[in-house]
């Protein structure tokens, strides 16, 4: 995913788990964050909750990825403050379209 985003002209950084994601977000806040709901250590939902609770970074655009197609996961993502939720499997092209859409419409 990082490769495809970089190839499309984005400055993308990958991390290995939710704790590393939150650290990276707090250290150098990006314009948009893509979080997997099922990340090790701290889930994407938990990272999103911490982002939304932190006044310094709570306006970031966040897209959640979910390997589960259950409506409850998508509902939880949106209720927690996600700008978009993408259910796996998805193509790199679809993700790029979603990223561009969120950045274009300035959801937050």
PDB file of N, CA and C in Angstrom:
ATOM      1  N   UNK A   1       0.818  -1.185   0.000  1.00  0.00           N
ATOM      2  CA  UNK A   1       0.000   0.000   0.000  1.00  0.00           C
ATOM      3  C   UNK A   1       0.867   1.257   0.000  1.00  0.00           C
ATOM      4  N   UNK A   2       1.906   1.296   0.818  1.00  0.00           N
ATOM      5  CA  UNK A   2       2.791   2.460   0.857  1.00  0.00           C
ATOM      6  C   UNK A   2       3.417   2.684  -0.514  1.00  0.00           C
ATOM      7  N   UNK A   3       3.835   1.605  -1.164  1.00  0.00           N
ATOM      8  CA  UNK A   3       4.448   1.713  -2.488  1.00  0.00           C
ATOM      9  C   UNK A   3       3.488   2.347  -3.479  1.00  0.00           C
ATOM     10  N   UNK A   4       2.239   1.881  -3.503  1.00  0.00           N
ATOM     11  CA  UNK A   4       1.245   2.408  -4.445  1.00  0.00           C
ATOM     12  C   UNK A   4       0.947   3.884  -4.167  1.00  0.00           C
ATOM     13  N   UNK A   5       0.855   4.247  -2.908  1.00  0.00           N
ATOM     14  CA  UNK A   5       0.602   5.648  -2.565  1.00  0.00           C
ATOM     15  C   UNK A   5       1.786   6.531  -2.965  1.00  0.00           C
ATOM     16  N   UNK A   6       2.987   6.043  -2.725  1.00  0.00           N
ATOM     17  CA  UNK A   6       4.186   6.787  -3.114  1.00  0.00           C
ATOM     18  C   UNK A   6       4.260   6.912  -4.629  1.00  0.00           C
ATOM     19  N   UNK A   7       3.947   5.837  -5.311  1.00  0.00           N
ATOM     20  CA  UNK A   7       3.934   5.840  -6.769  1.00  0.00           C
ATOM     21  C   UNK A   7       2.932   6.863  -7.318  1.00  0.00           C
ATOM     22  N   UNK A   8       1.865   7.087  -6.591  1.00  0.00           N
ATOM     23  CA  UNK A   8       0.831   8.032  -7.014  1.00  0.00           C
ATOM     24  C   UNK A   8       1.175   9.476  -6.622  1.00  0.00           C
ATOM     25  N   UNK A   9       2.341   9.666  -6.011  1.00  0.00           N
ATOM     26  CA  UNK A   9       2.787  11.016  -5.681  1.00  0.00           C
ATOM     27  C   UNK A   9       2.583  11.444  -4.241  1.00  0.00           C
ATOM     28  N   UNK A  10       2.115  10.533  -3.406  1.00  0.00           N
ATOM     29  CA  UNK A  10       1.915  10.858  -2.000  1.00  0.00           C
ATOM     30  C   UNK A  10       3.180  10.568  -1.208  1.00  0.00           C
ATOM     31  N   UNK A  11       3.386  11.317  -0.142  1.00  0.00           N
ATOM     32  CA  UNK A  11       4.482  11.071   0.784  1.00  0.00           C
ATOM     33  C   UNK A  11       3.930  10.131   1.849  1.00  0.00           C
ATOM     34  N   UNK A  12       4.100   8.835   1.651  1.00  0.00           N
ATOM     35  CA  UNK A  12       3.492   7.827   2.523  1.00  0.00           C
ATOM     36  C   UNK A  12       4.530   7.190   3.439  1.00  0.00           C
ATOM     37  N   UNK A  13       4.109   6.933   4.670  1.00  0.00           N
ATOM     38  CA  UNK A  13       4.961   6.285   5.669  1.00  0.00           C
ATOM     39  C   UNK A  13       4.192   5.104   6.232  1.00  0.00           C
ATOM     40  N   UNK A  14       4.828   3.952   6.293  1.00  0.00           N
ATOM     41  CA  UNK A  14       4.199   2.764   6.865  1.00  0.00           C
ATOM     42  C   UNK A  14       4.729   2.490   8.259  1.00  0.00           C
ATOM     43  N   UNK A  15       3.885   1.924   9.093  1.00  0.00           N
ATOM     44  CA  UNK A  15       4.278   1.520  10.443  1.00  0.00           C
ATOM     45  C   UNK A  15       3.802   0.090  10.680  1.00  0.00           C
ATOM     46  N   UNK A  16       4.286  -0.521  11.751  1.00  0.00           N
ATOM     47  CA  UNK A  16       4.007  -1.938  11.978  1.00  0.00           C
ATOM     48  C   UNK A  16       2.823  -2.233  12.892  1.00  0.00           C
ATOM     49  N   UNK A  17       2.415  -1.254  13.713  1.00  0.00           N
ATOM     50  CA  UNK A  17       1.320  -1.511  14.642  1.00  0.00           C
ATOM     51  C   UNK A  17       0.644  -0.215  15.048  1.00  0.00           C
ATOM     52  N   UNK A  18      -0.419  -0.340  15.826  1.00  0.00           N
ATOM     53  CA  UNK A  18      -1.201   0.814  16.232  1.00  0.00           C
ATOM     54  C   UNK A  18      -0.449   1.803  17.102  1.00  0.00           C
ATOM     55  N   UNK A  19       0.379   1.303  18.003  1.00  0.00           N
ATOM     56  CA  UNK A  19       1.155   2.188  18.866  1.00  0.00           C
ATOM     57  C   UNK A  19       2.135   3.017  18.041  1.00  0.00           C
ATOM     58  N   UNK A  20       2.801   2.382  17.085  1.00  0.00           N
ATOM     59  CA  UNK A  20       3.718   3.097  16.203  1.00  0.00           C
ATOM     60  C   UNK A  20       2.965   4.106  15.342  1.00  0.00           C
ATOM     61  N   UNK A  21       1.752   3.757  14.933  1.00  0.00           N
ATOM     62  CA  UNK A  21       0.940   4.684  14.139  1.00  0.00           C
ATOM     63  C   UNK A  21       0.625   5.935  14.950  1.00  0.00           C
ATOM     64  N   UNK A  22       0.176   5.748  16.182  1.00  0.00           N
ATOM     65  CA  UNK A  22      -0.156   6.896  17.021  1.00  0.00           C
ATOM     66  C   UNK A  22       1.079   7.748  17.286  1.00  0.00           C
ATOM     67  N   UNK A  23       2.206   7.118  17.568  1.00  0.00           N
ATOM     68  CA  UNK A  23       3.454   7.867  17.779  1.00  0.00           C
ATOM     69  C   UNK A  23       3.816   8.695  16.550  1.00  0.00           C
ATOM     70  N   UNK A  24       3.721   8.085  15.369  1.00  0.00           N
ATOM     71  CA  UNK A  24       4.059   8.790  14.125  1.00  0.00           C
ATOM     72  C   UNK A  24       3.098   9.953  13.879  1.00  0.00           C
ATOM     73  N   UNK A  25       1.812   9.738  14.143  1.00  0.00           N
ATOM     74  CA  UNK A  25       0.801  10.781  13.943  1.00  0.00           C
ATOM     75  C   UNK A  25       1.058  11.956  14.886  1.00  0.00           C
ATOM     76  N   UNK A  26       1.354  11.662  16.141  1.00  0.00           N
ATOM     77  CA  UNK A  26       1.582  12.721  17.128  1.00  0.00           C
ATOM     78  C   UNK A  26       2.892  13.456  16.888  1.00  0.00           C
ATOM     79  N   UNK A  27       3.903  12.754  16.397  1.00  0.00           N
ATOM     80  CA  UNK A  27       5.211  13.362  16.164  1.00  0.00           C
ATOM     81  C   UNK A  27       5.215  14.286  14.957  1.00  0.00           C
ATOM     82  N   UNK A  28       4.608  13.844  13.874  1.00  0.00           N
ATOM     83  CA  UNK A  28       4.591  14.623  12.630  1.00  0.00           C
ATOM     84  C   UNK A  28       3.229  14.434  11.964  1.00  0.00           C
ATOM     85  N   UNK A  29       2.207  15.178  12.399  1.00  0.00           N
ATOM     86  CA  UNK A  29       0.848  14.957  11.908  1.00  0.00           C
ATOM     87  C   UNK A  29       0.742  15.091  10.385  1.00  0.00           C
ATOM     88  N   UNK A  30       0.222  14.056   9.743  1.00  0.00           N
ATOM     89  CA  UNK A  30       0.036  14.097   8.288  1.00  0.00           C
ATOM     90  C   UNK A  30      -1.302  14.752   7.941  1.00  0.00           C
ATOM     91  N   UNK A  31      -1.559  14.898   6.680  1.00  0.00           N
ATOM     92  CA  UNK A  31      -2.839  15.435   6.212  1.00  0.00           C
ATOM     93  C   UNK A  31      -3.925  14.358   6.279  1.00  0.00           C
ATOM     94  N   UNK A  32      -3.530  13.105   6.051  1.00  0.00           N
ATOM     95  CA  UNK A  32      -4.469  11.987   6.026  1.00  0.00           C
ATOM     96  C   UNK A  32      -3.802  10.760   6.623  1.00  0.00           C
ATOM     97  N   UNK A  33      -4.589   9.975   7.342  1.00  0.00           N
ATOM     98  CA  UNK A  33      -4.099   8.741   7.958  1.00  0.00           C
ATOM     99  C   UNK A  33      -4.966   7.580   7.466  1.00  0.00           C
ATOM    100  N   UNK A  34      -4.316   6.470   7.133  1.00  0.00           N
ATOM    101  CA  UNK A  34      -5.026   5.242   6.781  1.00  0.00           C
ATOM    102  C   UNK A  34      -4.704   4.225   7.866  1.00  0.00           C
ATOM    103  N   UNK A  35      -5.723   3.755   8.552  1.00  0.00           N
ATOM    104  CA  UNK A  35      -5.551   2.811   9.655  1.00  0.00           C
ATOM    105  C   UNK A  35      -6.312   1.528   9.378  1.00  0.00           C
ATOM    106  N   UNK A  36      -5.678   0.408   9.676  1.00  0.00           N
ATOM    107  CA  UNK A  36      -6.361  -0.880   9.601  1.00  0.00           C
ATOM    108  C   UNK A  36      -7.036  -1.124  10.942  1.00  0.00           C
ATOM    109  N   UNK A  37      -8.292  -1.490  10.917  1.00  0.00           N
ATOM    110  CA  UNK A  37      -9.004  -1.759  12.163  1.00  0.00           C
ATOM    111  C   UNK A  37      -8.312  -2.853  12.973  1.00  0.00           C
ATOM    112  N   UNK A  38      -7.735  -3.839  12.290  1.00  0.00           N
ATOM    113  CA  UNK A  38      -7.156  -4.995  12.961  1.00  0.00           C
ATOM    114  C   UNK A  38      -5.635  -4.899  13.162  1.00  0.00           C
ATOM    115  N   UNK A  39      -5.095  -3.720  13.404  1.00  0.00           N
ATOM    116  CA  UNK A  39      -3.653  -3.579  13.629  1.00  0.00           C
ATOM    117  C   UNK A  39      -3.246  -4.241  14.945  1.00  0.00           C
ATOM    118  N   UNK A  40      -2.048  -4.799  14.990  1.00  0.00           N
ATOM    119  CA  UNK A  40      -1.575  -5.370  16.252  1.00  0.00           C
ATOM    120  C   UNK A  40      -1.273  -4.272  17.277  1.00  0.00           C
ATOM    121  N   UNK A  41      -1.320  -4.648  18.529  1.00  0.00           N
ATOM    122  CA  UNK A  41      -0.971  -3.723  19.603  1.00  0.00           C
ATOM    123  C   UNK A  41      -2.120  -2.827  20.011  1.00  0.00           C
ATOM    124  N   UNK A  42      -2.544  -1.971  19.117  1.00  0.00           N
ATOM    125  CA  UNK A  42      -3.660  -1.066  19.348  1.00  0.00           C
ATOM    126  C   UNK A  42      -4.465  -1.037  18.053  1.00  0.00           C
ATOM    127  N   UNK A  43      -5.741  -1.279  18.134  1.00  0.00           N
ATOM    128  CA  UNK A  43      -6.550  -1.343  16.925  1.00  0.00           C
ATOM    129  C   UNK A  43      -6.649   0.022  16.251  1.00  0.00           C
ATOM    130  N   UNK A  44      -7.015   0.020  14.988  1.00  0.00           N
ATOM    131  CA  UNK A  44      -7.220   1.265  14.276  1.00  0.00           C
ATOM    132  C   UNK A  44      -8.311   2.110  14.909  1.00  0.00           C
ATOM    133  N   UNK A  45      -9.338   1.468  15.445  1.00  0.00           N
ATOM    134  CA  UNK A  45     -10.413   2.190  16.138  1.00  0.00           C
ATOM    135  C   UNK A  45      -9.863   2.884  17.379  1.00  0.00           C
ATOM    136  N   UNK A  46      -9.014   2.178  18.143  1.00  0.00           N
ATOM    137  CA  UNK A  46      -8.425   2.783  19.343  1.00  0.00           C
ATOM    138  C   UNK A  46      -7.508   3.951  18.987  1.00  0.00           C
ATOM    139  N   UNK A  47      -6.732   3.804  17.919  1.00  0.00           N
ATOM    140  CA  UNK A  47      -5.875   4.905  17.470  1.00  0.00           C
ATOM    141  C   UNK A  47      -6.751   6.087  17.072  1.00  0.00           C
ATOM    142  N   UNK A  48      -7.808   5.816  16.324  1.00  0.00           N
ATOM    143  CA  UNK A  48      -8.713   6.881  15.894  1.00  0.00           C
ATOM    144  C   UNK A  48      -9.343   7.589  17.097  1.00  0.00           C
ATOM    145  N   UNK A  49      -9.729   6.838  18.109  1.00  0.00           N
ATOM    146  CA  UNK A  49     -10.300   7.462  19.321  1.00  0.00           C
ATOM    147  C   UNK A  49      -9.293   8.411  19.966  1.00  0.00           C
ATOM    148  N   UNK A  50      -8.043   7.987  20.041  1.00  0.00           N
ATOM    149  CA  UNK A  50      -7.009   8.828  20.642  1.00  0.00           C
ATOM    150  C   UNK A  50      -6.729  10.062  19.782  1.00  0.00           C
ATOM    151  N   UNK A  51      -6.769   9.895  18.468  1.00  0.00           N
ATOM    152  CA  UNK A  51      -6.583  11.041  17.568  1.00  0.00           C
ATOM    153  C   UNK A  51      -7.717  12.047  17.775  1.00  0.00           C
ATOM    154  N   UNK A  52      -8.946  11.576  17.809  1.00  0.00           N
ATOM    155  CA  UNK A  52     -10.093  12.475  17.954  1.00  0.00           C
ATOM    156  C   UNK A  52     -10.131  13.138  19.339  1.00  0.00           C
ATOM    157  N   UNK A  53      -9.535  12.497  20.339  1.00  0.00           N
ATOM    158  CA  UNK A  53      -9.501  13.060  21.691  1.00  0.00           C
ATOM    159  C   UNK A  53      -8.375  14.069  21.880  1.00  0.00           C
ATOM    160  N   UNK A  54      -7.422  14.105  20.962  1.00  0.00           N
ATOM    161  CA  UNK A  54      -6.257  14.987  21.068  1.00  0.00           C
ATOM    162  C   UNK A  54      -6.516  16.252  20.255  1.00  0.00           C
ATOM    163  N   UNK A  55      -6.710  17.368  20.937  1.00  0.00           N
ATOM    164  CA  UNK A  55      -7.065  18.617  20.269  1.00  0.00           C
ATOM    165  C   UNK A  55      -6.048  19.057  19.216  1.00  0.00           C
ATOM    166  N   UNK A  56      -4.793  18.691  19.403  1.00  0.00           N
ATOM    167  CA  UNK A  56      -3.750  19.108  18.465  1.00  0.00           C
ATOM    168  C   UNK A  56      -3.836  18.390  17.121  1.00  0.00           C
ATOM    169  N   UNK A  57      -4.466  17.208  17.095  1.00  0.00           N
ATOM    170  CA  UNK A  57      -4.507  16.418  15.855  1.00  0.00           C
ATOM    171  C   UNK A  57      -5.903  15.926  15.496  1.00  0.00           C
ATOM    172  N   UNK A  58      -6.920  16.378  16.192  1.00  0.00           N
ATOM    173  CA  UNK A  58      -8.260  15.797  15.989  1.00  0.00           C
ATOM    174  C   UNK A  58      -8.920  16.178  14.664  1.00  0.00           C
ATOM    175  N   UNK A  59      -8.298  17.041  13.891  1.00  0.00           N
ATOM    176  CA  UNK A  59      -8.884  17.427  12.608  1.00  0.00           C
ATOM    177  C   UNK A  59      -8.311  16.653  11.422  1.00  0.00           C
ATOM    178  N   UNK A  60      -7.491  15.641  11.696  1.00  0.00           N
ATOM    179  CA  UNK A  60      -6.912  14.839  10.616  1.00  0.00           C
ATOM    180  C   UNK A  60      -7.988  14.032   9.894  1.00  0.00           C
ATOM    181  N   UNK A  61      -7.825  13.894   8.589  1.00  0.00           N
ATOM    182  CA  UNK A  61      -8.681  12.988   7.833  1.00  0.00           C
ATOM    183  C   UNK A  61      -8.187  11.565   8.061  1.00  0.00           C
ATOM    184  N   UNK A  62      -9.104  10.651   8.328  1.00  0.00           N
ATOM    185  CA  UNK A  62      -8.745   9.256   8.609  1.00  0.00           C
ATOM    186  C   UNK A  62      -9.624   8.321   7.784  1.00  0.00           C
ATOM    187  N   UNK A  63      -8.967   7.404   7.096  1.00  0.00           N
ATOM    188  CA  UNK A  63      -9.655   6.329   6.378  1.00  0.00           C
ATOM    189  C   UNK A  63      -9.348   5.039   7.129  1.00  0.00           C
ATOM    190  N   UNK A  64     -10.376   4.269   7.423  1.00  0.00           N
ATOM    191  CA  UNK A  64     -10.202   2.972   8.081  1.00  0.00           C
ATOM    192  C   UNK A  64     -10.321   1.852   7.058  1.00  0.00           C
ATOM    193  N   UNK A  65      -9.467   0.856   7.214  1.00  0.00           N
ATOM    194  CA  UNK A  65      -9.524  -0.362   6.412  1.00  0.00           C
ATOM    195  C   UNK A  65     -10.048  -1.471   7.306  1.00  0.00           C
ATOM    196  N   UNK A  66     -10.971  -2.253   6.780  1.00  0.00           N
ATOM    197  CA  UNK A  66     -11.530  -3.341   7.572  1.00  0.00           C
ATOM    198  C   UNK A  66     -11.524  -4.634   6.780  1.00  0.00           C
ATOM    199  N   UNK A  67     -10.988  -5.668   7.374  1.00  0.00           N
ATOM    200  CA  UNK A  67     -11.010  -6.994   6.774  1.00  0.00           C
ATOM    201  C   UNK A  67     -12.334  -7.696   7.012  1.00  0.00           C
ATOM    202  N   UNK A  68     -13.172  -7.075   7.818  1.00  0.00           N
ATOM    203  CA  UNK A  68     -14.483  -7.638   8.122  1.00  0.00           C
ATOM    204  C   UNK A  68     -15.548  -6.793   7.428  1.00  0.00           C
ATOM    205  N   UNK A  69     -16.422  -7.445   6.733  1.00  0.00           N
ATOM    206  CA  UNK A  69     -17.461  -6.736   5.980  1.00  0.00           C
ATOM    207  C   UNK A  69     -18.730  -6.524   6.799  1.00  0.00           C
ATOM    208  N   UNK A  70     -18.630  -6.646   8.103  1.00  0.00           N
ATOM    209  CA  UNK A  70     -19.814  -6.483   8.935  1.00  0.00           C
ATOM    210  C   UNK A  70     -20.199  -5.009   9.035  1.00  0.00           C
ATOM    211  N   UNK A  71     -21.480  -4.747   8.964  1.00  0.00           N
ATOM    212  CA  UNK A  71     -21.970  -3.377   9.065  1.00  0.00           C
ATOM    213  C   UNK A  71     -21.571  -2.735  10.386  1.00  0.00           C
ATOM    214  N   UNK A  72     -21.509  -3.522  11.449  1.00  0.00           N
ATOM    215  CA  UNK A  72     -21.168  -2.977  12.767  1.00  0.00           C
ATOM    216  C   UNK A  72     -19.768  -2.378  12.768  1.00  0.00           C
ATOM    217  N   UNK A  73     -18.814  -2.995  12.074  1.00  0.00           N
ATOM    218  CA  UNK A  73     -17.449  -2.467  12.012  1.00  0.00           C
ATOM    219  C   UNK A  73     -17.422  -1.120  11.289  1.00  0.00           C
ATOM    220  N   UNK A  74     -18.148  -1.043  10.196  1.00  0.00           N
ATOM    221  CA  UNK A  74     -18.218   0.207   9.435  1.00  0.00           C
ATOM    222  C   UNK A  74     -18.932   1.274  10.264  1.00  0.00           C
ATOM    223  N   UNK A  75     -20.026   0.909  10.913  1.00  0.00           N
ATOM    224  CA  UNK A  75     -20.756   1.858  11.754  1.00  0.00           C
ATOM    225  C   UNK A  75     -19.870   2.383  12.881  1.00  0.00           C
ATOM    226  N   UNK A  76     -19.123   1.486  13.518  1.00  0.00           N
ATOM    227  CA  UNK A  76     -18.219   1.898  14.596  1.00  0.00           C
ATOM    228  C   UNK A  76     -17.158   2.844  14.067  1.00  0.00           C
ATOM    229  N   UNK A  77     -16.618   2.544  12.891  1.00  0.00           N
ATOM    230  CA  UNK A  77     -15.605   3.412  12.295  1.00  0.00           C
ATOM    231  C   UNK A  77     -16.119   4.816  12.067  1.00  0.00           C
ATOM    232  N   UNK A  78     -17.287   4.925  11.455  1.00  0.00           N
ATOM    233  CA  UNK A  78     -17.857   6.245  11.203  1.00  0.00           C
ATOM    234  C   UNK A  78     -18.246   6.950  12.504  1.00  0.00           C
ATOM    235  N   UNK A  79     -18.799   6.199  13.460  1.00  0.00           N
ATOM    236  CA  UNK A  79     -19.195   6.787  14.739  1.00  0.00           C
ATOM    237  C   UNK A  79     -17.993   7.303  15.518  1.00  0.00           C
ATOM    238  N   UNK A  80     -16.850   6.697  15.302  1.00  0.00           N
ATOM    239  CA  UNK A  80     -15.629   7.105  15.989  1.00  0.00           C
ATOM    240  C   UNK A  80     -14.982   8.303  15.308  1.00  0.00           C
ATOM    241  N   UNK A  81     -15.371   8.580  14.079  1.00  0.00           N
ATOM    242  CA  UNK A  81     -14.850   9.770  13.417  1.00  0.00           C
ATOM    243  C   UNK A  81     -14.088   9.525  12.137  1.00  0.00           C
ATOM    244  N   UNK A  82     -14.197   8.324  11.575  1.00  0.00           N
ATOM    245  CA  UNK A  82     -13.536   8.064  10.294  1.00  0.00           C
ATOM    246  C   UNK A  82     -14.209   8.865   9.184  1.00  0.00           C
ATOM    247  N   UNK A  83     -13.434   9.317   8.231  1.00  0.00           N
ATOM    248  CA  UNK A  83     -13.961  10.033   7.059  1.00  0.00           C
ATOM    249  C   UNK A  83     -14.469   9.053   6.017  1.00  0.00           C
ATOM    250  N   UNK A  84     -13.889   7.849   6.006  1.00  0.00           N
ATOM    251  CA  UNK A  84     -14.290   6.809   5.062  1.00  0.00           C
ATOM    252  C   UNK A  84     -13.850   5.470   5.628  1.00  0.00           C
ATOM    253  N   UNK A  85     -14.531   4.420   5.212  1.00  0.00           N
ATOM    254  CA  UNK A  85     -14.176   3.048   5.583  1.00  0.00           C
ATOM    255  C   UNK A  85     -14.123   2.220   4.306  1.00  0.00           C
ATOM    256  N   UNK A  86     -13.034   1.487   4.140  1.00  0.00           N
ATOM    257  CA  UNK A  86     -12.853   0.647   2.963  1.00  0.00           C
ATOM    258  C   UNK A  86     -12.783  -0.798   3.436  1.00  0.00           C
ATOM    259  N   UNK A  87     -13.652  -1.625   2.878  1.00  0.00           N
ATOM    260  CA  UNK A  87     -13.707  -3.029   3.266  1.00  0.00           C
ATOM    261  C   UNK A  87     -12.822  -3.850   2.348  1.00  0.00           C
ATOM    262  N   UNK A  88     -11.983  -4.699   2.950  1.00  0.00           N
ATOM    263  CA  UNK A  88     -11.115  -5.597   2.187  1.00  0.00           C
ATOM    264  C   UNK A  88     -11.930  -6.762   1.664  1.00  0.00           C
ATOM    265  N   UNK A  89     -11.623  -7.329   0.538  1.00  0.00           N
ATOM    266  CA  UNK A  89     -10.506  -6.948  -0.315  1.00  0.00           C
ATOM    267  C   UNK A  89     -10.847  -5.709  -1.147  1.00  0.00           C
ATOM    268  N   UNK A  90      -9.835  -4.922  -1.421  1.00  0.00           N
ATOM    269  CA  UNK A  90      -9.989  -3.752  -2.273  1.00  0.00           C
ATOM    270  C   UNK A  90      -8.764  -3.669  -3.168  1.00  0.00           C
ATOM    271  N   UNK A  91      -8.906  -2.982  -4.268  1.00  0.00           N
ATOM    272  CA  UNK A  91      -7.781  -2.821  -5.182  1.00  0.00           C
ATOM    273  C   UNK A  91      -7.013  -1.558  -4.794  1.00  0.00           C
ATOM    274  N   UNK A  92      -5.737  -1.506  -5.124  1.00  0.00           N
ATOM    275  CA  UNK A  92      -4.975  -0.277  -4.878  1.00  0.00           C
ATOM    276  C   UNK A  92      -5.619   0.933  -5.562  1.00  0.00           C
ATOM    277  N   UNK A  93      -6.202   0.719  -6.721  1.00  0.00           N
ATOM    278  CA  UNK A  93      -6.864   1.810  -7.441  1.00  0.00           C
ATOM    279  C   UNK A  93      -8.041   2.354  -6.628  1.00  0.00           C
ATOM    280  N   UNK A  94      -8.840   1.442  -6.043  1.00  0.00           N
ATOM    281  CA  UNK A  94      -9.969   1.894  -5.228  1.00  0.00           C
ATOM    282  C   UNK A  94      -9.490   2.728  -4.048  1.00  0.00           C
ATOM    283  N   UNK A  95      -8.438   2.263  -3.379  1.00  0.00           N
ATOM    284  CA  UNK A  95      -7.920   3.011  -2.238  1.00  0.00           C
ATOM    285  C   UNK A  95      -7.441   4.393  -2.678  1.00  0.00           C
ATOM    286  N   UNK A  96      -6.755   4.472  -3.799  1.00  0.00           N
ATOM    287  CA  UNK A  96      -6.302   5.772  -4.303  1.00  0.00           C
ATOM    288  C   UNK A  96      -7.483   6.696  -4.595  1.00  0.00           C
ATOM    289  N   UNK A  97      -8.546   6.147  -5.160  1.00  0.00           N
ATOM    290  CA  UNK A  97      -9.741   6.956  -5.403  1.00  0.00           C
ATOM    291  C   UNK A  97     -10.322   7.474  -4.090  1.00  0.00           C
ATOM    292  N   UNK A  98     -10.359   6.624  -3.085  1.00  0.00           N
ATOM    293  CA  UNK A  98     -10.904   7.030  -1.780  1.00  0.00           C
ATOM    294  C   UNK A  98     -10.031   8.105  -1.133  1.00  0.00           C
ATOM    295  N   UNK A  99      -8.704   7.915  -1.206  1.00  0.00           N
ATOM    296  CA  UNK A  99      -7.775   8.915  -0.659  1.00  0.00           C
ATOM    297  C   UNK A  99      -8.000  10.258  -1.351  1.00  0.00           C
ATOM    298  N   UNK A 100      -8.033  10.252  -2.673  1.00  0.00           N
ATOM    299  CA  UNK A 100      -8.242  11.498  -3.414  1.00  0.00           C
ATOM    300  C   UNK A 100      -9.588  12.137  -3.088  1.00  0.00           C
ATOM    301  N   UNK A 101     -10.613  11.321  -2.928  1.00  0.00           N
ATOM    302  CA  UNK A 101     -11.936  11.851  -2.611  1.00  0.00           C
ATOM    303  C   UNK A 101     -11.939  12.533  -1.237  1.00  0.00           C
ATOM    304  N   UNK A 102     -11.349  11.892  -0.264  1.00  0.00           N
ATOM    305  CA  UNK A 102     -11.314  12.478   1.081  1.00  0.00           C
ATOM    306  C   UNK A 102     -10.506  13.772   1.072  1.00  0.00           C
ATOM    307  N   UNK A 103      -9.365  13.762   0.411  1.00  0.00           N
ATOM    308  CA  UNK A 103      -8.536  14.965   0.370  1.00  0.00           C
ATOM    309  C   UNK A 103      -9.204  16.096  -0.408  1.00  0.00           C
ATOM    310  N   UNK A 104      -9.924  15.749  -1.444  1.00  0.00           N
ATOM    311  CA  UNK A 104     -10.587  16.749  -2.288  1.00  0.00           C
ATOM    312  C   UNK A 104     -11.763  17.408  -1.569  1.00  0.00           C
ATOM    313  N   UNK A 105     -12.547  16.596  -0.887  1.00  0.00           N
ATOM    314  CA  UNK A 105     -13.748  17.167  -0.270  1.00  0.00           C
ATOM    315  C   UNK A 105     -13.494  17.747   1.117  1.00  0.00           C
ATOM    316  N   UNK A 106     -12.284  17.538   1.667  1.00  0.00           N
ATOM    317  CA  UNK A 106     -11.975  18.110   2.966  1.00  0.00           C
ATOM    318  C   UNK A 106     -12.999  17.743   4.015  1.00  0.00           C
ATOM    319  N   UNK A 107     -13.158  16.456   4.230  1.00  0.00           N
ATOM    320  CA  UNK A 107     -14.190  15.924   5.121  1.00  0.00           C
ATOM    321  C   UNK A 107     -14.121  16.531   6.511  1.00  0.00           C
ATOM    322  N   UNK A 108     -12.966  16.633   7.085  1.00  0.00           N
ATOM    323  CA  UNK A 108     -12.852  17.169   8.451  1.00  0.00           C
ATOM    324  C   UNK A 108     -12.835  18.654   8.345  1.00  0.00           C
TER     325      UNK A 108
END
